[in-house]
Amino acid sequence: MHAVEVRDHIMIAHSFKGAVFGPAQKMHGATFVVDAAFMAETLDENGIVIDIGRAHEVLKGVLEPLNFQNLDEVPAFAGKNTTTEFLTRHIFEALAEAARGDRLGRPGGELAAIRVTLHESHVARAWYEGRL
């Protein structure tokens, strides 16, 4: 399996509902480093998985509406705990839509999977990987 991975980051605020979250039930901020890996069984005729520049642009576009936001106030997230795991899936879905729309410099049908990893800190991360 071949992969190309691009990276960006977001800074957000949010709070959680549920005793399991302890002090994180209060409003708090987070800076996430976001890695998006695009995978393909084979390289295309140009010898690439996808165009790295386009992948980075798409990732930036997906993250822009989240950056510097209080996620508790984002209508699409109403009633949801915007955990790291939740956000990995949300970002995956937007990247998968871009891939299926052939916005990565290669037909989306030729890609096998995308993995989105959010690094909460230097000691904790979560990821979601899905097939296309």
Protein backbone atom coordinates (compact mmCIF):
# COMPACT_ATOMS: atom_id res chain seq x y z
CA MET A 1 0.00 0.00 0.00
CA HIS A 2 1.34 3.43 -0.98
CA ALA A 3 0.48 6.54 1.02
CA VAL A 4 0.88 10.29 0.90
CA GLU A 5 0.38 12.19 4.12
CA VAL A 6 -0.13 15.92 4.62
CA ARG A 7 -0.31 17.89 7.86
CA ASP A 8 -1.94 21.02 9.22
CA HIS A 9 -3.35 22.14 12.56
CA ILE A 10 -6.40 23.72 14.15
CA MET A 11 -7.03 25.57 17.39
CA ILE A 12 -10.49 25.08 18.88
CA ALA A 13 -12.48 25.45 22.07
CA HIS A 14 -15.16 23.05 23.30
CA SER A 15 -16.64 21.33 26.33
CA PHE A 16 -18.03 17.85 26.90
CA LYS A 17 -21.14 16.44 28.52
CA GLY A 18 -20.78 13.34 30.72
CA ALA A 19 -19.11 12.50 34.00
CA VAL A 20 -16.50 10.39 32.18
CA PHE A 21 -14.90 13.64 30.96
CA GLY A 22 -14.19 15.01 34.45
CA PRO A 23 -12.75 18.54 34.24
CA ALA A 24 -13.04 18.52 30.41
CA GLN A 25 -16.76 19.11 30.93
CA LYS A 26 -15.75 22.75 31.37
CA MET A 27 -14.83 24.92 28.40
CA HIS A 28 -11.25 24.29 27.34
CA GLY A 29 -9.05 24.83 24.33
CA ALA A 30 -7.07 22.43 22.19
CA THR A 31 -4.55 22.69 19.41
CA PHE A 32 -4.68 19.63 17.20
CA VAL A 33 -2.01 18.62 14.72
CA VAL A 34 -3.95 16.97 11.89
CA ASP A 35 -2.43 14.34 9.59
CA ALA A 36 -4.32 13.09 6.56
CA ALA A 37 -2.97 10.00 4.81
CA PHE A 38 -4.27 9.05 1.37
CA MET A 39 -3.66 5.43 0.35
CA ALA A 40 -3.65 3.56 -2.94
CA GLU A 41 -2.72 0.03 -3.93
CA THR A 42 -0.78 1.32 -6.94
CA LEU A 43 0.80 4.50 -8.19
CA ASP A 44 -0.88 6.24 -11.11
CA GLU A 45 0.69 6.83 -14.54
CA ASN A 46 2.53 9.84 -13.06
CA GLY A 47 4.04 7.74 -10.28
CA ILE A 48 1.97 9.33 -7.50
CA VAL A 49 -0.72 8.40 -5.01
CA ILE A 50 -2.26 11.89 -5.22
CA ASP A 51 -1.02 15.43 -5.80
CA ILE A 52 0.50 16.54 -2.49
CA GLY A 53 -0.21 20.22 -3.16
CA ARG A 54 -3.88 19.57 -3.85
CA ALA A 55 -4.14 17.33 -0.79
CA HIS A 56 -2.74 20.06 1.40
CA GLU A 57 -5.12 22.65 -0.08
CA VAL A 58 -8.10 20.35 0.46
CA LEU A 59 -7.08 19.61 4.05
CA LYS A 60 -6.69 23.34 4.77
CA GLY A 61 -10.14 23.96 3.29
CA VAL A 62 -11.71 21.23 5.42
CA LEU A 63 -10.10 22.57 8.60
CA GLU A 64 -10.75 26.27 7.98
CA PRO A 65 -14.38 26.27 9.25
CA LEU A 66 -13.20 24.64 12.51
CA ASN A 67 -10.13 26.75 13.19
CA PHE A 68 -10.47 29.29 16.03
CA GLN A 69 -14.06 28.17 16.66
CA ASN A 70 -15.93 27.20 19.78
CA LEU A 71 -17.21 23.85 18.55
CA ASP A 72 -20.07 24.01 21.07
CA GLU A 73 -21.49 26.81 18.88
CA VAL A 74 -21.16 25.05 15.49
CA PRO A 75 -24.73 24.14 14.43
CA ALA A 76 -23.65 20.90 12.72
CA PHE A 77 -22.25 19.67 16.05
CA ALA A 78 -25.26 20.55 18.21
CA GLY A 79 -25.79 17.94 20.93
CA LYS A 80 -22.54 16.11 20.11
CA ASN A 81 -19.40 15.68 22.14
CA THR A 82 -16.72 16.92 19.76
CA THR A 83 -14.13 14.46 21.02
CA THR A 84 -10.90 13.86 19.19
CA GLU A 85 -12.39 10.62 17.85
CA PHE A 86 -15.52 12.43 16.65
CA LEU A 87 -13.45 15.05 14.85
CA THR A 88 -11.32 12.44 13.06
CA ARG A 89 -14.47 10.99 11.48
CA HIS A 90 -15.85 14.44 10.62
CA ILE A 91 -12.63 15.41 8.84
CA PHE A 92 -12.43 12.00 7.12
CA GLU A 93 -15.94 12.44 5.66
CA ALA A 94 -15.04 15.82 4.17
CA LEU A 95 -11.77 14.50 2.71
CA ALA A 96 -13.54 11.43 1.31
CA GLU A 97 -16.05 13.73 -0.40
CA ALA A 98 -13.17 15.66 -1.99
CA ALA A 99 -11.52 12.41 -3.11
CA ARG A 100 -14.75 11.10 -4.64
CA GLY A 101 -15.09 14.47 -6.40
CA ASP A 102 -11.68 13.93 -8.03
CA ARG A 103 -10.20 17.02 -6.33
CA LEU A 104 -6.87 15.39 -5.40
CA GLY A 105 -5.22 15.08 -8.81
CA ARG A 106 -6.29 11.47 -9.28
CA PRO A 107 -9.69 9.83 -9.72
CA GLY A 108 -11.08 9.05 -6.28
CA GLY A 109 -12.08 5.57 -7.39
CA GLU A 110 -8.38 4.71 -7.62
CA LEU A 111 -7.75 5.46 -3.93
CA ALA A 112 -8.11 2.70 -1.35
CA ALA A 113 -8.47 4.56 1.94
CA ILE A 114 -7.92 7.73 3.93
CA ARG A 115 -6.66 7.91 7.51
CA VAL A 116 -7.10 11.05 9.60
CA THR A 117 -5.02 11.37 12.77
CA LEU A 118 -5.49 14.13 15.32
CA HIS A 119 -2.64 14.62 17.76
CA GLU A 120 -3.99 16.08 21.01
CA SER A 121 -0.53 16.35 22.47
CA HIS A 122 2.88 14.74 22.25
CA VAL A 123 1.52 11.73 24.18
CA ALA A 124 -2.01 11.23 22.83
CA ARG A 125 -3.66 10.90 19.43
CA ALA A 126 -6.68 9.33 17.78
CA TRP A 127 -7.34 8.30 14.20
CA TYR A 128 -10.08 7.18 11.87
CA GLU A 129 -9.41 5.19 8.72
CA GLY A 130 -12.01 4.39 6.12
CA ARG A 131 -12.06 2.77 2.72
CA LEU A 132 -13.25 4.75 -0.27
